[in-house]
Amino acid sequence: MIAFTCDVSGSEPLLGRRMARFNRQVLNHLTRPLSRHLPGFGVVIHRGRRTRRVYETPVNVFRRPDEYVVALTYGARADWVRNVLTAGHCELITRGRGLRLTVSHVQHDEQRLAVPALVRPMLRLIGVADFLHLSLAEREHDASFP
């Protein structure tokens, strides 16, 4: 069961639907290869709720001592987030490592304490205050899977 530590239903980041569509159709294809290796970035691999198709979504991800935290730049209602929440798990490639993760909870945090202090002003500027917390489900493995 997914626990929401705060009501995330009303929060909407400043990045709109048009920007999300542009990112999905253009920018994600360009950034996906780099996102697998750069610090602060990753690619979430998840399956569509209805289509059952496998998707790869570039994200901003941050390592915490016992979890990974993903900044929900398009909010908790983004399709990829709903796919991961429905499944209860996903795969993440970050810094060249593949991880199998389970959903811990979604958190609304106006102070953005789950992410590094250097990132908080940028997230505040674009209105991001929702975060997906993921826990390690299995040992790390090579990022050779799609």
Protein backbone atom coordinates (compact mmCIF):
# COMPACT_ATOMS: atom_id res chain seq x y z
CA MET A 1 0.00 0.00 0.00
CA ILE A 2 1.28 3.45 -0.92
CA ALA A 3 1.44 6.01 1.86
CA PHE A 4 1.06 9.70 1.13
CA THR A 5 2.64 11.74 3.92
CA CYS A 6 0.67 14.80 2.83
CA ASP A 7 -2.13 15.50 0.40
CA VAL A 8 -0.48 15.85 -3.00
CA SER A 9 -3.70 16.22 -4.97
CA GLY A 10 -3.66 20.03 -5.04
CA SER A 11 -0.04 20.70 -5.89
CA GLU A 12 0.72 21.46 -9.52
CA PRO A 13 4.25 22.44 -10.61
CA LEU A 14 4.70 25.36 -12.96
CA LEU A 15 5.80 23.10 -15.82
CA GLY A 16 2.64 22.66 -17.83
CA ARG A 17 1.11 20.01 -20.08
CA ARG A 18 2.65 21.53 -23.22
CA MET A 19 6.13 21.35 -21.73
CA ALA A 20 5.49 17.78 -20.58
CA ARG A 21 4.42 16.80 -24.11
CA PHE A 22 7.48 18.47 -25.65
CA ASN A 23 9.77 16.73 -23.16
CA ARG A 24 8.13 13.36 -23.79
CA GLN A 25 8.28 13.68 -27.59
CA VAL A 26 11.63 15.44 -28.03
CA LEU A 27 13.80 16.21 -25.04
CA ASN A 28 13.54 12.82 -23.29
CA HIS A 29 14.96 11.08 -26.37
CA LEU A 30 18.00 13.37 -26.24
CA THR A 31 18.59 13.30 -22.48
CA ARG A 32 17.85 9.63 -21.74
CA PRO A 33 21.36 8.32 -22.58
CA LEU A 34 23.08 10.97 -20.43
CA SER A 35 20.56 10.65 -17.60
CA ARG A 36 21.70 7.08 -17.01
CA HIS A 37 25.16 8.28 -15.95
CA LEU A 38 25.08 11.86 -14.64
CA PRO A 39 24.79 12.59 -10.90
CA GLY A 40 21.34 13.86 -9.95
CA PHE A 41 19.70 12.17 -12.91
CA GLY A 42 18.35 8.74 -13.71
CA VAL A 43 15.94 6.83 -15.91
CA VAL A 44 12.88 5.19 -14.36
CA ILE A 45 11.79 2.06 -16.20
CA HIS A 46 8.10 1.29 -15.67
CA ARG A 47 5.18 -0.46 -17.34
CA GLY A 48 2.04 1.34 -18.56
CA ARG A 49 -1.09 0.72 -16.52
CA ARG A 50 -3.28 0.02 -19.55
CA THR A 51 -0.91 -0.62 -22.44
CA ARG A 52 1.50 -2.82 -20.43
CA ARG A 53 4.20 -1.23 -22.62
CA VAL A 54 7.62 -0.59 -21.03
CA TYR A 55 8.56 3.10 -20.75
CA GLU A 56 11.80 4.84 -19.82
CA THR A 57 11.42 8.25 -18.20
CA PRO A 58 14.37 10.55 -17.38
CA VAL A 59 14.09 11.97 -13.85
CA ASN A 60 15.93 14.00 -11.23
CA VAL A 61 16.89 11.49 -8.56
CA PHE A 62 18.83 11.84 -5.33
CA ARG A 63 20.43 9.13 -3.19
CA ARG A 64 19.65 9.15 0.52
CA PRO A 65 21.18 6.75 3.04
CA ASP A 66 18.32 4.25 2.83
CA GLU A 67 16.38 5.30 -0.29
CA TYR A 68 16.22 7.17 -3.57
CA VAL A 69 14.13 10.35 -3.88
CA VAL A 70 12.70 11.46 -7.23
CA ALA A 71 11.60 15.07 -7.69
CA LEU A 72 8.17 14.99 -9.31
CA THR A 73 8.68 17.89 -11.72
CA TYR A 74 5.24 17.33 -13.30
CA GLY A 75 3.49 16.44 -10.05
CA ALA A 76 2.22 13.23 -8.50
CA ARG A 77 -0.42 12.86 -11.22
CA ALA A 78 2.03 12.43 -14.12
CA ASP A 79 1.39 9.21 -16.05
CA TRP A 80 4.76 7.69 -15.23
CA VAL A 81 4.22 8.34 -11.50
CA ARG A 82 0.78 6.75 -11.62
CA ASN A 83 2.29 3.74 -13.43
CA VAL A 84 4.93 3.28 -10.73
CA LEU A 85 2.44 3.80 -7.90
CA THR A 86 0.03 1.26 -9.41
CA ALA A 87 2.78 -1.33 -9.85
CA GLY A 88 4.37 -0.55 -6.48
CA HIS A 89 7.84 -0.89 -7.99
CA CYS A 90 10.11 0.20 -10.84
CA GLU A 91 13.65 -0.05 -12.10
CA LEU A 92 16.04 2.88 -11.99
CA ILE A 93 19.27 3.42 -13.85
CA THR A 94 21.43 6.07 -12.22
CA ARG A 95 25.18 6.65 -12.38
CA GLY A 96 25.39 3.65 -14.69
CA ARG A 97 23.88 1.25 -12.14
CA GLY A 98 20.56 -0.57 -12.45
CA LEU A 99 18.37 -0.84 -9.37
CA ARG A 100 15.10 -2.57 -8.60
CA LEU A 101 13.09 -0.32 -6.29
CA THR A 102 9.80 -0.45 -4.44
CA VAL A 103 7.59 2.52 -3.71
CA SER A 104 7.92 3.74 -0.15
CA HIS A 105 5.73 6.86 -0.23
CA VAL A 106 4.92 10.13 -1.97
CA GLN A 107 5.69 13.24 0.03
CA HIS A 108 4.61 16.85 -0.37
CA ASP A 109 7.33 19.02 1.20
CA GLU A 110 7.37 22.76 0.61
CA GLN A 111 10.82 22.92 2.27
CA ARG A 112 12.21 20.23 -0.08
CA LEU A 113 14.30 18.70 2.70
CA ALA A 114 14.62 15.31 0.96
CA VAL A 115 16.90 16.76 -1.73
CA PRO A 116 20.33 18.44 -1.51
CA ALA A 117 20.35 22.08 -0.43
CA LEU A 118 21.88 23.19 -3.74
CA VAL A 119 18.90 21.82 -5.68
CA ARG A 120 16.14 23.30 -3.50
CA PRO A 121 16.14 26.85 -5.00
CA MET A 122 15.69 25.50 -8.55
CA LEU A 123 12.87 23.17 -7.48
CA ARG A 124 11.25 26.05 -5.57
CA LEU A 125 11.53 28.26 -8.68
CA ILE A 126 9.60 25.76 -10.84
CA GLY A 127 7.13 24.91 -8.07
CA VAL A 128 8.21 21.33 -7.35
CA ALA A 129 7.31 20.17 -3.85
CA ASP A 130 6.25 16.53 -4.43
CA PHE A 131 8.72 13.67 -4.12
CA LEU A 132 8.56 9.95 -4.75
CA HIS A 133 10.53 7.91 -2.22
CA LEU A 134 11.80 4.54 -3.44
CA SER A 135 13.48 1.79 -1.42
CA LEU A 136 15.96 -0.77 -2.66
CA ALA A 137 14.17 -4.05 -3.45
CA GLU A 138 17.19 -6.09 -4.55
CA ARG A 139 20.92 -5.79 -4.83
CA GLU A 140 22.33 -3.50 -7.49
CA HIS A 141 23.08 -4.95 -10.90
CA ASP A 142 24.64 -3.78 -14.15
CA ALA A 143 22.66 -1.24 -16.14
CA SER A 144 22.68 -3.46 -19.20
CA PHE A 145 18.91 -4.06 -19.22
CA PRO A 146 16.77 -1.81 -21.43
